[in-house]
Amino acid sequence: MQNKGLIRLFAILFGLVSIYQLSFTYFTNKVEDDAKVYAIANGDETNVREQATLERRYLDSVANKEVTDLFVTKFTYNDIKDKEMNLGLDLKGGINAILQVSVKEVLIALSNDSKSAVFKEALDAADALQKESNDTYLNLFFQEFERIANGTIKLSDPAIFGTKALRDKIDFNKTNDEVRPILQEEIDISINTAFEVLRSRIDKFGVTQPNIQRIGTSGRIQIELPGAKDIERVTKLITSKAELQFW
């Protein structure tokens, strides 16, 4: 009997906690419904972009205003937004984007904008192959460089990656096989930098429980912004002043 009583008590407590957690989602949805009403009343209902902008404007205006109180504690919209249940894109909708760090531009920068004809031809060939290949851009570049150079010039040549900036890592005596992992490391650093910049920007965007992750070694970064609707604002936020392409 005591065990049944404990089970019943835990069930009641669990139910109360669940209701408390769900209440944040309820009140968040209520405020966001008010934002939709505001947008419809103040703009063209058929203009999706304008509606999204007006909704965002309304939500920004109430972000730090008290919108509800639970058990005597008062909460702003930002408070309840942070505590709502993560419904994800499938249930809540939002914006899903994949950004591509331009490995080609990173290679050009590492070469100090090399004028080598072999280097440029290898980049162009990698561009063409990537359209129909699942391999990484870097691997395709290595493949085409070997084919085009045919032993006449090395990646470590001062005209390509044997630059002053990389002289501590790449000297003229290094073989192509020795240079490859160095370039891969430099590109990984560039991708990680882009990743951190993106994460910082998304944190400032105000979306609850965003998801951002690298996709293998492809140089692509996937972001998911549950509940976000203003595509123009998101695009401007995550692509400004960075070597990123919006997909």
Foldseek 3Di string as FASTA:
>chain_A
DVVVVVVVVVVVVVVVVVVVLQVLVVLLVVQLVVQQVQLVVPHPPVPLQSSLVSSVVSCVVQQQPFRDADPNRTDTSLRSQQRHDPPFCVPQNFDKWKKFQPLLVLQCVLFVNFPDPLLVVLLVQLVVCVVPDPDASLVSSLVSSCVSCVPVAACLPNSGNVDPVCVVPGHRPDHNVSVSVVSLVSLVVLLVVLQVQQVVLVVVVSAHPKDWDDDPSRRMIMITGGPRRNPVVSCCSSPPPGSIDID
